[in-house]
Amino acid sequence: MYRLVLLEIIILVYFG
C-alpha cells in the first residue's frame, strides 16, 4: 500500500 504513496511523492517531486 505504501507503494502508492511513494508513487504520489515521486509525481509531486517531478511536478515540483
Protein backbone atom coordinates (compact mmCIF):
# COMPACT_ATOMS: atom_id res chain seq x y z
CA MET A 1 0.00 0.00 0.00
CA TYR A 2 2.93 2.31 0.70
CA ARG A 3 3.88 1.85 -2.94
CA LEU A 4 1.05 4.18 -3.96
CA VAL A 5 2.32 6.77 -1.51
CA LEU A 6 5.81 6.55 -2.96
CA LEU A 7 4.39 6.94 -6.44
CA GLU A 8 2.48 10.05 -5.34
CA ILE A 9 5.62 11.55 -3.78
CA ILE A 10 7.60 10.87 -6.95
CA ILE A 11 4.90 12.54 -9.04
CA LEU A 12 4.80 15.53 -6.70
CA VAL A 13 8.59 15.88 -6.84
CA TYR A 14 8.55 15.51 -10.60
CA PHE A 15 5.94 18.24 -10.92
CA GLY A 16 7.80 20.27 -8.30
